Amino acid sequence: MNLRNRGTRAVAAALLTLHTSYCVNEPSNAPKLMEKESISSKQSSWIPSFAGLWGYVWPKDSDSVHFDKFMSLETQEGLMSWPSLQKGLKNRALDEIALRALTNEAIEAAKTKDIAKMNAIRDRISAIAYGSGTTPEERQAHLEKFGCVMYTDEALDIIASAAKNGIVEMGAGNGQWAKKLRQAKELDVLAFDNMSALPLNPAFFQNTRLNMEFCATDVMKGDHRVFTSQFASKLQGRALLIIFPDPSPMAKRCLEAYAKASPENDTFIYVGEGRGGANGDDAFFDLIEVSWHLETTISLPSFSKKGYERLFVFKQRQ
């Protein structure tokens, strides 16, 4: 199984119903997650904070040092390749080898209908993909409630502060973040998805627990072309939000179309992994590093120790 894709063998995927860096929306109780550090270009002050004083005793981690550097730099080249991600990608490559080795075992178990072996392989794959002690049911519960990435109060606050004129979310999936931003921050969010992955059609969840509790029912079908459609005037001046895009040209196309549509479109909020990770392509990260400047970033809780998601707020360079 390729950790950046849905799997090399459809049989194994069907048998195990597990996904790694990609995600689908499935359902039960999410495990406790740990929040991490935040970095903002607006944090400096001549009055030392307690956190600042503590920094003299406890040095910053390598990711904090990495992002701090770019706050004051004009060039952003290398921004989207942070230390923990790069280290994690090496470990992920080893995980991929281990998952591939299990594929043939999974196929043989499916052929012989060896239920005990199938369950054992599923547990081994879950441990490799998400970490020891994590069950597929916990993963499904996380995906149902949050989508691919967990939001936090701090993340919602940052988005609300950056998106005072509202949000246009592209690749919104089932709209968990859109719904939460509306409820918790009273933000005006217009959410779009190209509906290429299931289950994204809001009608699929009509009158169900998933739909009523976690998902937005008004995610509209659309891609980068919405910025030149009849919606264009309603999208002008909003912040663009993209969360955990697939590793395709989608994210780059949306960001380009957003910036081109209006000079007022100058705020981009990205949630996901960086260069070489589960999201976007190299052209997307090239565009960010050339045309946008980092304002704020925080790390987000990972479902397991296998993810390196962050929230970024960028401003378009003049």
Protein backbone atom coordinates (compact mmCIF):
# COMPACT_ATOMS: atom_id res chain seq x y z
CA MET A 1 0.00 0.00 0.00
CA ASN A 2 1.31 3.42 -0.87
CA LEU A 3 0.82 5.68 2.13
CA ARG A 4 0.04 8.63 -0.12
CA ASN A 5 -2.64 6.74 -2.01
CA ARG A 6 -5.60 4.50 -1.27
CA GLY A 7 -3.65 1.25 -1.72
CA THR A 8 -1.87 -0.81 -4.32
CA ARG A 9 -4.28 -3.70 -4.18
CA ALA A 10 -8.05 -3.26 -4.22
CA VAL A 11 -8.50 -6.68 -2.67
CA ALA A 12 -6.44 -5.80 0.38
CA ALA A 13 -8.21 -2.49 0.75
CA ALA A 14 -11.59 -4.14 0.59
CA LEU A 15 -10.51 -6.79 3.08
CA LEU A 16 -9.04 -4.46 5.64
CA THR A 17 -11.14 -1.31 5.08
CA LEU A 18 -8.15 0.71 6.22
CA HIS A 19 -6.59 3.81 4.73
CA THR A 20 -3.38 5.46 5.72
CA SER A 21 -2.43 9.03 4.76
CA TYR A 22 -5.58 9.36 2.73
CA CYS A 23 -8.90 9.30 4.46
CA VAL A 24 -12.56 8.58 3.94
CA ASN A 25 -15.40 9.34 6.28
CA GLU A 26 -16.42 6.33 8.29
CA PRO A 27 -17.84 5.96 11.89
CA SER A 28 -17.30 5.25 17.13
CA ASN A 29 -14.88 6.93 20.29
CA ALA A 30 -11.89 8.93 19.18
CA PRO A 31 -8.74 8.55 21.31
CA LYS A 32 -7.27 11.38 23.31
CA LEU A 33 -4.99 13.57 21.22
CA MET A 34 -2.17 15.90 22.16
CA GLU A 35 -1.95 19.51 21.05
CA LYS A 36 1.40 21.02 20.10
CA GLU A 37 3.10 24.37 19.65
CA SER A 38 1.96 27.51 17.84
CA ILE A 39 4.02 30.17 16.08
CA SER A 40 2.93 33.61 14.94
CA SER A 41 4.72 36.53 13.34
CA LYS A 42 2.80 38.80 15.78
CA GLN A 43 4.10 37.26 19.00
CA SER A 44 7.12 39.49 19.54
CA SER A 45 7.14 42.02 22.40
CA TRP A 46 9.81 43.79 24.46
CA ILE A 47 8.08 42.48 27.59
CA PRO A 48 9.27 38.90 28.15
CA SER A 49 6.42 36.46 28.62
CA PHE A 50 6.54 33.48 30.92
CA ALA A 51 6.77 31.29 27.82
CA GLY A 52 9.68 33.40 26.61
CA LEU A 53 11.51 33.08 29.91
CA TRP A 54 10.86 29.35 29.91
CA GLY A 55 12.49 29.19 26.49
CA TYR A 56 15.82 30.07 28.06
CA VAL A 57 15.55 26.97 30.21
CA TRP A 58 13.86 24.65 27.73
CA PRO A 59 15.08 25.22 24.14
CA LYS A 60 12.63 25.34 21.25
CA ASP A 61 12.02 22.24 19.22
CA SER A 62 13.41 22.03 15.71
CA ASP A 63 10.05 22.78 14.05
CA SER A 64 9.64 26.00 16.04
CA VAL A 65 13.14 27.10 15.08
CA HIS A 66 12.37 26.28 11.45
CA PHE A 67 9.19 28.35 11.26
CA ASP A 68 10.54 31.22 13.38
CA LYS A 69 13.21 31.69 10.75
CA PHE A 70 10.69 32.28 7.99
CA MET A 71 8.67 34.86 9.90
CA SER A 72 11.28 37.51 9.19
CA LEU A 73 12.60 36.23 5.86
CA GLU A 74 11.47 37.57 2.51
CA THR A 75 12.20 34.27 0.82
CA GLN A 76 10.00 31.35 1.81
CA GLU A 77 11.93 28.68 -0.05
CA GLY A 78 12.08 25.54 2.08
CA LEU A 79 9.24 26.65 4.35
CA MET A 80 7.02 23.65 3.67
CA SER A 81 9.69 21.06 4.50
CA TRP A 82 9.93 21.16 8.29
CA PRO A 83 12.16 18.84 10.36
CA SER A 84 9.60 16.55 12.01
CA LEU A 85 7.86 16.03 8.67
CA GLN A 86 11.09 15.11 6.91
CA LYS A 87 11.99 12.65 9.63
CA GLY A 88 8.49 11.23 9.57
CA LEU A 89 8.56 10.70 5.81
CA LYS A 90 11.58 8.45 6.19
CA ASN A 91 9.72 6.38 8.77
CA ARG A 92 6.67 6.35 6.52
CA ALA A 93 8.71 4.86 3.68
CA LEU A 94 9.65 1.97 5.97
CA ASP A 95 5.98 1.55 6.93
CA GLU A 96 5.09 1.36 3.27
CA ILE A 97 7.49 -1.53 2.77
CA ALA A 98 5.94 -3.34 5.72
CA LEU A 99 2.42 -2.76 4.38
CA ARG A 100 3.35 -4.09 0.96
CA ALA A 101 4.71 -7.23 2.59
CA LEU A 102 1.32 -7.80 4.21
CA THR A 103 -0.61 -7.41 0.97
CA ASN A 104 -0.04 -10.94 -0.30
CA GLU A 105 -0.90 -12.35 3.11
CA ALA A 106 -4.15 -10.39 3.05
CA ILE A 107 -5.04 -11.67 -0.40
CA GLU A 108 -4.37 -15.28 0.53
CA ALA A 109 -6.40 -14.94 3.73
CA ALA A 110 -9.30 -13.53 1.72
CA LYS A 111 -9.12 -16.39 -0.77
CA THR A 112 -9.25 -19.03 1.97
CA LYS A 113 -11.76 -17.05 4.03
CA ASP A 114 -9.52 -17.43 7.07
CA ILE A 115 -11.32 -15.00 9.37
CA ALA A 116 -8.85 -15.29 12.23
CA LYS A 117 -5.91 -14.55 9.95
CA MET A 118 -7.79 -11.69 8.26
CA ASN A 119 -8.43 -10.08 11.65
CA ALA A 120 -4.82 -10.55 12.70
CA ILE A 121 -3.57 -8.92 9.51
CA ARG A 122 -6.01 -6.07 9.96
CA ASP A 123 -4.63 -5.44 13.44
CA ARG A 124 -1.06 -5.49 12.13
CA ILE A 125 -1.91 -3.04 9.37
CA SER A 126 -3.69 -0.77 11.85
CA ALA A 127 -0.60 -0.74 14.07
CA ILE A 128 1.65 0.14 11.14
CA ALA A 129 -0.68 2.77 9.71
CA TYR A 130 -1.85 4.51 12.88
CA GLY A 131 0.32 3.32 15.75
CA SER A 132 0.21 0.49 18.25
CA GLY A 133 -2.98 0.24 20.28
CA THR A 134 -5.12 2.19 17.82
CA THR A 135 -8.16 0.40 16.45
CA PRO A 136 -9.85 0.88 13.08
CA GLU A 137 -13.03 1.79 14.97
CA GLU A 138 -11.25 4.67 16.71
CA ARG A 139 -9.93 5.87 13.37
CA GLN A 140 -13.42 5.74 11.91
CA ALA A 141 -14.84 7.74 14.81
CA HIS A 142 -12.18 10.39 14.30
CA LEU A 143 -12.94 10.63 10.58
CA GLU A 144 -16.65 10.89 11.21
CA LYS A 145 -16.38 13.74 13.67
CA PHE A 146 -13.52 15.79 12.25
CA GLY A 147 -12.84 14.64 8.72
CA CYS A 148 -9.17 14.01 7.94
CA VAL A 149 -7.73 16.46 10.49
CA MET A 150 -8.86 17.33 14.01
CA TYR A 151 -9.75 20.96 14.69
CA THR A 152 -8.94 22.53 18.06
CA ASP A 153 -10.20 25.64 19.84
CA GLU A 154 -6.91 27.37 19.03
CA ALA A 155 -7.21 26.47 15.36
CA LEU A 156 -10.78 27.77 15.20
CA ASP A 157 -9.70 31.02 16.90
CA ILE A 158 -6.89 31.55 14.41
CA ILE A 159 -9.16 30.94 11.45
CA ALA A 160 -11.80 33.29 12.82
CA SER A 161 -9.20 36.02 13.31
CA ALA A 162 -7.82 35.61 9.79
CA ALA A 163 -11.17 35.29 8.00
CA LYS A 164 -13.22 38.27 9.15
CA ASN A 165 -14.86 38.56 5.71
CA GLY A 166 -15.89 34.93 5.62
CA ILE A 167 -14.46 31.76 4.13
CA VAL A 168 -14.61 29.85 0.88
CA GLU A 169 -13.59 26.27 1.56
CA MET A 170 -12.47 24.09 -1.34
CA GLY A 171 -12.31 20.30 -1.02
CA ALA A 172 -14.63 20.54 1.98
CA GLY A 173 -15.60 16.87 1.98
CA ASN A 174 -18.55 16.36 4.32
CA GLY A 175 -18.08 19.83 5.78
CA GLN A 176 -17.12 19.03 9.38
CA TRP A 177 -14.82 22.06 9.69
CA ALA A 178 -17.31 24.31 7.91
CA LYS A 179 -20.08 23.33 10.28
CA LYS A 180 -17.89 23.78 13.37
CA LEU A 181 -16.68 27.20 12.22
CA ARG A 182 -20.27 28.32 11.74
CA GLN A 183 -21.38 26.99 15.12
CA ALA A 184 -18.40 28.00 17.25
CA LYS A 185 -17.30 31.21 15.53
CA GLU A 186 -20.41 32.29 13.61
CA LEU A 187 -18.36 32.50 10.43
CA ASP A 188 -19.91 32.77 6.99
CA VAL A 189 -18.56 29.69 5.20
CA LEU A 190 -19.29 28.70 1.61
CA ALA A 191 -18.10 25.11 1.16
CA PHE A 192 -17.38 23.32 -2.12
CA ASP A 193 -16.17 19.87 -3.10
CA ASN A 194 -15.89 18.19 -6.48
CA MET A 195 -17.74 15.16 -5.02
CA SER A 196 -15.27 12.74 -6.59
CA ALA A 197 -14.88 10.70 -3.38
CA LEU A 198 -17.67 9.03 -1.43
CA PRO A 199 -19.55 9.59 0.74
CA LEU A 200 -19.71 13.29 -0.10
CA ASN A 201 -23.22 13.75 -1.43
CA PRO A 202 -25.15 15.38 1.47
CA ALA A 203 -28.23 13.37 0.45
CA PHE A 204 -26.31 10.22 1.39
CA PHE A 205 -26.55 11.20 5.05
CA GLN A 206 -30.06 12.60 5.06
CA ASN A 207 -31.67 12.21 8.49
CA THR A 208 -28.74 10.25 9.91
CA ARG A 209 -26.64 10.77 13.05
CA LEU A 210 -23.56 11.61 11.00
CA ASN A 211 -25.31 14.30 9.02
CA MET A 212 -27.09 15.93 11.95
CA GLU A 213 -24.17 15.98 14.40
CA PHE A 214 -21.01 16.58 12.42
CA CYS A 215 -21.53 17.34 8.73
CA ALA A 216 -22.71 20.34 6.79
CA THR A 217 -25.68 19.57 4.58
CA ASP A 218 -24.99 22.36 2.11
CA VAL A 219 -21.57 21.47 0.66
CA MET A 220 -21.89 22.48 -2.99
CA LYS A 221 -20.39 20.74 -5.98
CA GLY A 222 -17.53 22.77 -7.38
CA ASP A 223 -13.82 23.01 -8.07
CA HIS A 224 -11.41 25.85 -8.94
CA ARG A 225 -13.81 27.06 -11.62
CA VAL A 226 -16.20 28.44 -8.99
CA PHE A 227 -13.99 31.55 -8.88
CA THR A 228 -15.08 32.40 -12.43
CA SER A 229 -18.66 31.14 -12.06
CA GLN A 230 -21.89 32.76 -10.91
CA PHE A 231 -20.52 32.45 -7.35
CA ALA A 232 -17.53 34.71 -8.08
CA SER A 233 -18.99 37.89 -6.60
CA LYS A 234 -19.96 36.06 -3.39
CA LEU A 235 -16.42 34.68 -2.97
CA GLN A 236 -14.57 37.96 -3.37
CA GLY A 237 -12.64 39.03 -0.28
CA ARG A 238 -13.15 35.78 1.62
CA ALA A 239 -10.26 33.76 2.98
CA LEU A 240 -9.54 30.54 1.11
CA LEU A 241 -9.52 27.41 3.28
CA ILE A 242 -8.13 24.11 2.01
CA ILE A 243 -7.94 21.14 4.39
CA PHE A 244 -6.03 17.94 3.66
CA PRO A 245 -6.20 18.06 -0.16
CA ASP A 246 -5.35 14.94 -2.11
CA PRO A 247 -1.90 14.70 -3.76
CA SER A 248 -3.15 16.05 -7.09
CA PRO A 249 -3.13 19.45 -8.84
CA MET A 250 -6.44 20.35 -7.11
CA ALA A 251 -4.95 22.52 -4.36
CA LYS A 252 -2.68 24.46 -6.70
CA ARG A 253 -5.50 25.09 -9.15
CA CYS A 254 -7.78 26.39 -6.40
CA LEU A 255 -5.10 28.66 -4.93
CA GLU A 256 -4.19 30.07 -8.33
CA ALA A 257 -7.83 30.67 -9.27
CA TYR A 258 -8.56 32.30 -5.90
CA ALA A 259 -5.65 34.73 -6.15
CA LYS A 260 -6.37 35.58 -9.77
CA ALA A 261 -10.09 36.24 -9.19
CA SER A 262 -9.67 39.43 -7.13
CA PRO A 263 -6.94 41.56 -5.51
CA GLU A 264 -9.04 41.32 -2.34
CA ASN A 265 -8.39 37.58 -2.22
CA ASP A 266 -5.24 37.77 -0.15
CA THR A 267 -5.64 35.29 2.73
CA PHE A 268 -4.99 31.57 2.43
CA ILE A 269 -5.51 29.09 5.27
CA TYR A 270 -4.03 25.66 4.71
CA VAL A 271 -4.40 22.58 6.90
CA GLY A 272 -2.34 19.51 6.13
CA GLU A 273 1.12 18.10 5.69
CA GLY A 274 3.94 19.73 3.78
CA ARG A 275 6.10 18.89 0.81
CA GLY A 276 6.42 15.16 0.19
CA GLY A 277 3.61 14.33 2.61
CA ALA A 278 0.06 13.16 2.10
CA ASN A 279 -1.27 16.39 0.59
CA GLY A 280 -0.91 18.48 -2.52
CA ASP A 281 1.89 18.21 -5.06
CA ASP A 282 5.26 19.90 -5.45
CA ALA A 283 3.77 22.58 -7.70
CA PHE A 284 1.34 23.53 -4.92
CA PHE A 285 4.13 23.98 -2.37
CA ASP A 286 6.26 25.82 -4.94
CA LEU A 287 3.39 28.28 -5.40
CA ILE A 288 3.05 28.83 -1.64
CA GLU A 289 6.76 29.46 -1.18
CA VAL A 290 6.97 31.86 -4.14
CA SER A 291 3.73 33.84 -3.91
CA TRP A 292 2.65 33.71 -0.25
CA HIS A 293 4.17 34.70 3.09
CA LEU A 294 3.72 32.90 6.39
CA GLU A 295 1.73 34.77 9.04
CA THR A 296 0.94 32.07 11.59
CA THR A 297 1.31 28.34 12.00
CA ILE A 298 0.41 25.80 14.67
CA SER A 299 0.81 22.06 14.80
CA LEU A 300 -2.42 20.10 15.10
CA PRO A 301 -3.16 16.94 17.07
CA SER A 302 -2.40 13.87 15.04
CA PHE A 303 -4.71 10.90 15.28
CA SER A 304 -1.58 8.87 15.86
CA LYS A 305 2.14 9.54 15.79
CA LYS A 306 2.06 8.94 12.06
CA GLY A 307 0.76 12.34 10.92
CA TYR A 308 2.39 15.77 10.64
CA GLU A 309 -0.55 18.08 10.03
CA ARG A 310 -0.31 21.81 10.71
CA LEU A 311 -2.51 24.86 10.23
CA PHE A 312 -0.99 27.75 8.26
CA VAL A 313 -2.20 31.26 7.61
CA PHE A 314 -0.59 32.95 4.60
CA LYS A 315 -0.88 36.42 3.13
CA GLN A 316 -0.36 37.00 -0.55
CA ARG A 317 2.85 38.79 -1.43
CA GLN A 318 2.45 42.21 -2.97
